[in-house]
Every structure is written in structure tokens, then in C-alpha cells.
Amino acid sequence: MLKSALNYSMAQRLLIHTLGKYNFLLWDRLKKGFLLY
């Protein structure tokens, strides 16, 4: 039980990290797009 909970928290952290990275890239692209207008 404890082990699966640990795996879940690690997976959650990895997911948040990945989403954060994609979000940053998306935001960077949006800002560059706005600068082009």
C-alpha cells in the first residue's frame, strides 16, 4: 500500500513537471507570437 502511494506521488510529480515544461514552451511561443503582431 505504502509503495503504491509512493509510486503515485512520484508519477504525479513527474506529470506536473512535464506539464510545467510544456506550459512554459507554449507560453514562450505565445509571447513570441504576440511580439510578431
PDB file of N, CA and C in Angstrom:
ATOM      1  N   MET A   1       0.836  -1.201   0.000  1.00  0.00           N
ATOM      2  CA  MET A   1       0.000   0.000   0.000  1.00  0.00           C
ATOM      3  C   MET A   1       0.878   1.260   0.000  1.00  0.00           C
ATOM      4  N   LEU A   2       1.838   1.298   0.913  1.00  0.00           N
ATOM      5  CA  LEU A   2       2.710   2.465   1.015  1.00  0.00           C
ATOM      6  C   LEU A   2       3.528   2.635  -0.265  1.00  0.00           C
ATOM      7  N   LYS A   3       3.984   1.511  -0.813  1.00  0.00           N
ATOM      8  CA  LYS A   3       4.802   1.569  -2.012  1.00  0.00           C
ATOM      9  C   LYS A   3       4.010   2.127  -3.200  1.00  0.00           C
ATOM     10  N   SER A   4       2.762   1.699  -3.324  1.00  0.00           N
ATOM     11  CA  SER A   4       1.950   2.192  -4.437  1.00  0.00           C
ATOM     12  C   SER A   4       1.652   3.683  -4.259  1.00  0.00           C
ATOM     13  N   ALA A   5       1.492   4.108  -3.016  1.00  0.00           N
ATOM     14  CA  ALA A   5       1.244   5.524  -2.745  1.00  0.00           C
ATOM     15  C   ALA A   5       2.477   6.341  -3.124  1.00  0.00           C
ATOM     16  N   LEU A   6       3.654   5.798  -2.835  1.00  0.00           N
ATOM     17  CA  LEU A   6       4.900   6.482  -3.171  1.00  0.00           C
ATOM     18  C   LEU A   6       5.041   6.585  -4.687  1.00  0.00           C
ATOM     19  N   ASN A   7       4.746   5.477  -5.381  1.00  0.00           N
ATOM     20  CA  ASN A   7       4.810   5.488  -6.837  1.00  0.00           C
ATOM     21  C   ASN A   7       3.837   6.510  -7.415  1.00  0.00           C
ATOM     22  N   TYR A   8       2.661   6.618  -6.803  1.00  0.00           N
ATOM     23  CA  TYR A   8       1.644   7.561  -7.269  1.00  0.00           C
ATOM     24  C   TYR A   8       2.138   8.999  -7.122  1.00  0.00           C
ATOM     25  N   SER A   9       2.727   9.320  -5.980  1.00  0.00           N
ATOM     26  CA  SER A   9       3.208  10.683  -5.754  1.00  0.00           C
ATOM     27  C   SER A   9       4.360  11.007  -6.711  1.00  0.00           C
ATOM     28  N   MET A  10       5.204  10.025  -6.990  1.00  0.00           N
ATOM     29  CA  MET A  10       6.312  10.253  -7.928  1.00  0.00           C
ATOM     30  C   MET A  10       5.775  10.488  -9.329  1.00  0.00           C
ATOM     31  N   ALA A  11       4.778   9.694  -9.721  1.00  0.00           N
ATOM     32  CA  ALA A  11       4.185   9.843 -11.049  1.00  0.00           C
ATOM     33  C   ALA A  11       3.500  11.206 -11.167  1.00  0.00           C
ATOM     34  N   GLN A  12       2.838  11.609 -10.085  1.00  0.00           N
ATOM     35  CA  GLN A  12       2.151  12.894 -10.073  1.00  0.00           C
ATOM     36  C   GLN A  12       3.161  14.037 -10.236  1.00  0.00           C
ATOM     37  N   ARG A  13       4.276  13.926  -9.517  1.00  0.00           N
ATOM     38  CA  ARG A  13       5.311  14.961  -9.594  1.00  0.00           C
ATOM     39  C   ARG A  13       5.891  15.032 -11.000  1.00  0.00           C
ATOM     40  N   LEU A  14       6.111  13.869 -11.606  1.00  0.00           N
ATOM     41  CA  LEU A  14       6.657  13.820 -12.959  1.00  0.00           C
ATOM     42  C   LEU A  14       5.679  14.451 -13.941  1.00  0.00           C
ATOM     43  N   LEU A  15       4.388  14.144 -13.743  1.00  0.00           N
ATOM     44  CA  LEU A  15       3.356  14.694 -14.621  1.00  0.00           C
ATOM     45  C   LEU A  15       3.315  16.211 -14.506  1.00  0.00           C
ATOM     46  N   ILE A  16       3.361  16.715 -13.286  1.00  0.00           N
ATOM     47  CA  ILE A  16       3.330  18.162 -13.053  1.00  0.00           C
ATOM     48  C   ILE A  16       4.566  18.817 -13.680  1.00  0.00           C
ATOM     49  N   HIS A  17       5.710  18.176 -13.533  1.00  0.00           N
ATOM     50  CA  HIS A  17       6.948  18.706 -14.095  1.00  0.00           C
ATOM     51  C   HIS A  17       6.858  18.781 -15.624  1.00  0.00           C
ATOM     52  N   THR A  18       6.337  17.701 -16.225  1.00  0.00           N
ATOM     53  CA  THR A  18       6.203  17.652 -17.684  1.00  0.00           C
ATOM     54  C   THR A  18       5.214  18.696 -18.172  1.00  0.00           C
ATOM     55  N   LEU A  19       4.091  18.793 -17.471  1.00  0.00           N
ATOM     56  CA  LEU A  19       3.080  19.789 -17.854  1.00  0.00           C
ATOM     57  C   LEU A  19       3.641  21.191 -17.725  1.00  0.00           C
ATOM     58  N   GLY A  20       4.416  21.424 -16.679  1.00  0.00           N
ATOM     59  CA  GLY A  20       5.009  22.731 -16.477  1.00  0.00           C
ATOM     60  C   GLY A  20       5.959  23.093 -17.610  1.00  0.00           C
ATOM     61  N   LYS A  21       6.729  22.096 -18.058  1.00  0.00           N
ATOM     62  CA  LYS A  21       7.675  22.335 -19.142  1.00  0.00           C
ATOM     63  C   LYS A  21       6.938  22.672 -20.437  1.00  0.00           C
ATOM     64  N   TYR A  22       5.879  21.883 -20.738  1.00  0.00           N
ATOM     65  CA  TYR A  22       5.098  22.144 -21.951  1.00  0.00           C
ATOM     66  C   TYR A  22       4.402  23.489 -21.864  1.00  0.00           C
ATOM     67  N   ASN A  23       3.888  23.806 -20.667  1.00  0.00           N
ATOM     68  CA  ASN A  23       3.198  25.070 -20.458  1.00  0.00           C
ATOM     69  C   ASN A  23       4.156  26.236 -20.707  1.00  0.00           C
ATOM     70  N   PHE A  24       5.393  26.095 -20.240  1.00  0.00           N
ATOM     71  CA  PHE A  24       6.392  27.141 -20.427  1.00  0.00           C
ATOM     72  C   PHE A  24       6.699  27.335 -21.913  1.00  0.00           C
ATOM     73  N   LEU A  25       6.866  26.218 -22.644  1.00  0.00           N
ATOM     74  CA  LEU A  25       7.149  26.301 -24.073  1.00  0.00           C
ATOM     75  C   LEU A  25       5.994  26.944 -24.821  1.00  0.00           C
ATOM     76  N   LEU A  26       4.780  26.569 -24.422  1.00  0.00           N
ATOM     77  CA  LEU A  26       3.582  27.116 -25.058  1.00  0.00           C
ATOM     78  C   LEU A  26       3.504  28.619 -24.818  1.00  0.00           C
ATOM     79  N   TRP A  27       3.743  29.024 -23.563  1.00  0.00           N
ATOM     80  CA  TRP A  27       3.677  30.433 -23.195  1.00  0.00           C
ATOM     81  C   TRP A  27       4.762  31.224 -23.925  1.00  0.00           C
ATOM     82  N   ASP A  28       5.955  30.638 -24.050  1.00  0.00           N
ATOM     83  CA  ASP A  28       7.052  31.294 -24.745  1.00  0.00           C
ATOM     84  C   ASP A  28       6.674  31.529 -26.204  1.00  0.00           C
ATOM     85  N   ARG A  29       6.056  30.516 -26.812  1.00  0.00           N
ATOM     86  CA  ARG A  29       5.642  30.621 -28.206  1.00  0.00           C
ATOM     87  C   ARG A  29       4.550  31.679 -28.363  1.00  0.00           C
ATOM     88  N   LEU A  30       3.632  31.712 -27.385  1.00  0.00           N
ATOM     89  CA  LEU A  30       2.558  32.712 -27.425  1.00  0.00           C
ATOM     90  C   LEU A  30       3.127  34.123 -27.344  1.00  0.00           C
ATOM     91  N   LYS A  31       4.079  34.322 -26.427  1.00  0.00           N
ATOM     92  CA  LYS A  31       4.674  35.649 -26.267  1.00  0.00           C
ATOM     93  C   LYS A  31       5.394  36.068 -27.546  1.00  0.00           C
ATOM     94  N   LYS A  32       6.118  35.135 -28.162  1.00  0.00           N
ATOM     95  CA  LYS A  32       6.822  35.451 -29.409  1.00  0.00           C
ATOM     96  C   LYS A  32       5.818  35.771 -30.509  1.00  0.00           C
ATOM     97  N   GLY A  33       4.706  35.043 -30.497  1.00  0.00           N
ATOM     98  CA  GLY A  33       3.665  35.279 -31.489  1.00  0.00           C
ATOM     99  C   GLY A  33       3.078  36.673 -31.344  1.00  0.00           C
ATOM    100  N   PHE A  34       2.866  37.093 -30.084  1.00  0.00           N
ATOM    101  CA  PHE A  34       2.314  38.422 -29.843  1.00  0.00           C
ATOM    102  C   PHE A  34       3.314  39.504 -30.259  1.00  0.00           C
ATOM    103  N   LEU A  35       4.596  39.218 -30.068  1.00  0.00           N
ATOM    104  CA  LEU A  35       5.606  40.203 -30.437  1.00  0.00           C
ATOM    105  C   LEU A  35       5.649  40.396 -31.956  1.00  0.00           C
ATOM    106  N   LEU A  36       5.273  39.338 -32.696  1.00  0.00           N
ATOM    107  CA  LEU A  36       5.305  39.432 -34.152  1.00  0.00           C
ATOM    108  C   LEU A  36       4.177  40.290 -34.712  1.00  0.00           C
ATOM    109  N   TYR A  37       3.087  40.424 -33.969  1.00  0.00           N
ATOM    110  CA  TYR A  37       1.946  41.190 -34.477  1.00  0.00           C
ATOM    111  C   TYR A  37       2.245  42.680 -34.547  1.00  0.00           C
TER     112      TYR A  37
END
